[in-house]
Amino acid sequence: MNLNKAILLGRVASDPETRSTTTGQTVCSFRLVTNRIFNSSNGQKQERAEFHNIVLWRRLAEIASQYLTKGALVLIEGRVETRSWQDASGTKKYRTEIVAEKMQLGPKSSPKSESSPASPAVQEEIPIIEEEKGGEIDVKDIPF
């Protein structure tokens, strides 16, 4: 059995770019940054950032382009894919991406009102959004 699953929780590093394919499918891509905090060999606290290329398709792409902005917190679940192509000079290029299958937006804080500056920001509960698989369920696909 094989498993190709990535789960990332981080901040959007660049505003999402949305476009359509020639067949009319919506695709959205952006960079996500995650960080890791660790102690070095000499005991000093270190922080290292890692950037990930995220790709979303169809309805997930539309939602991401509507709600995500640079700095927003987001949880992405998906699979790792590496694609390759040749540039104009004939050099083969590679790009590793996370193709999102689920996305959960981070908490959305409402601005504090001026009348009560000590009141905490209200956070909305935002549901997990899954990529639509499409089509109907075939009875033959049910394992029992």
Foldseek 3Di string as FASTA:
>chain_A
DDDFKDKDKFFFAAQKDWDADPVGKIKIKTKGKDKDWDADPVGDIDMDIDIAIEMEIHPVRVVSNVPHHGGWIKIFMAGKDKDWDADPVRDIDIHIHGYGFKMWTDWDWDDDDPVDNPDGTDTDHTDMDGDDPDDDDDPVPDPD
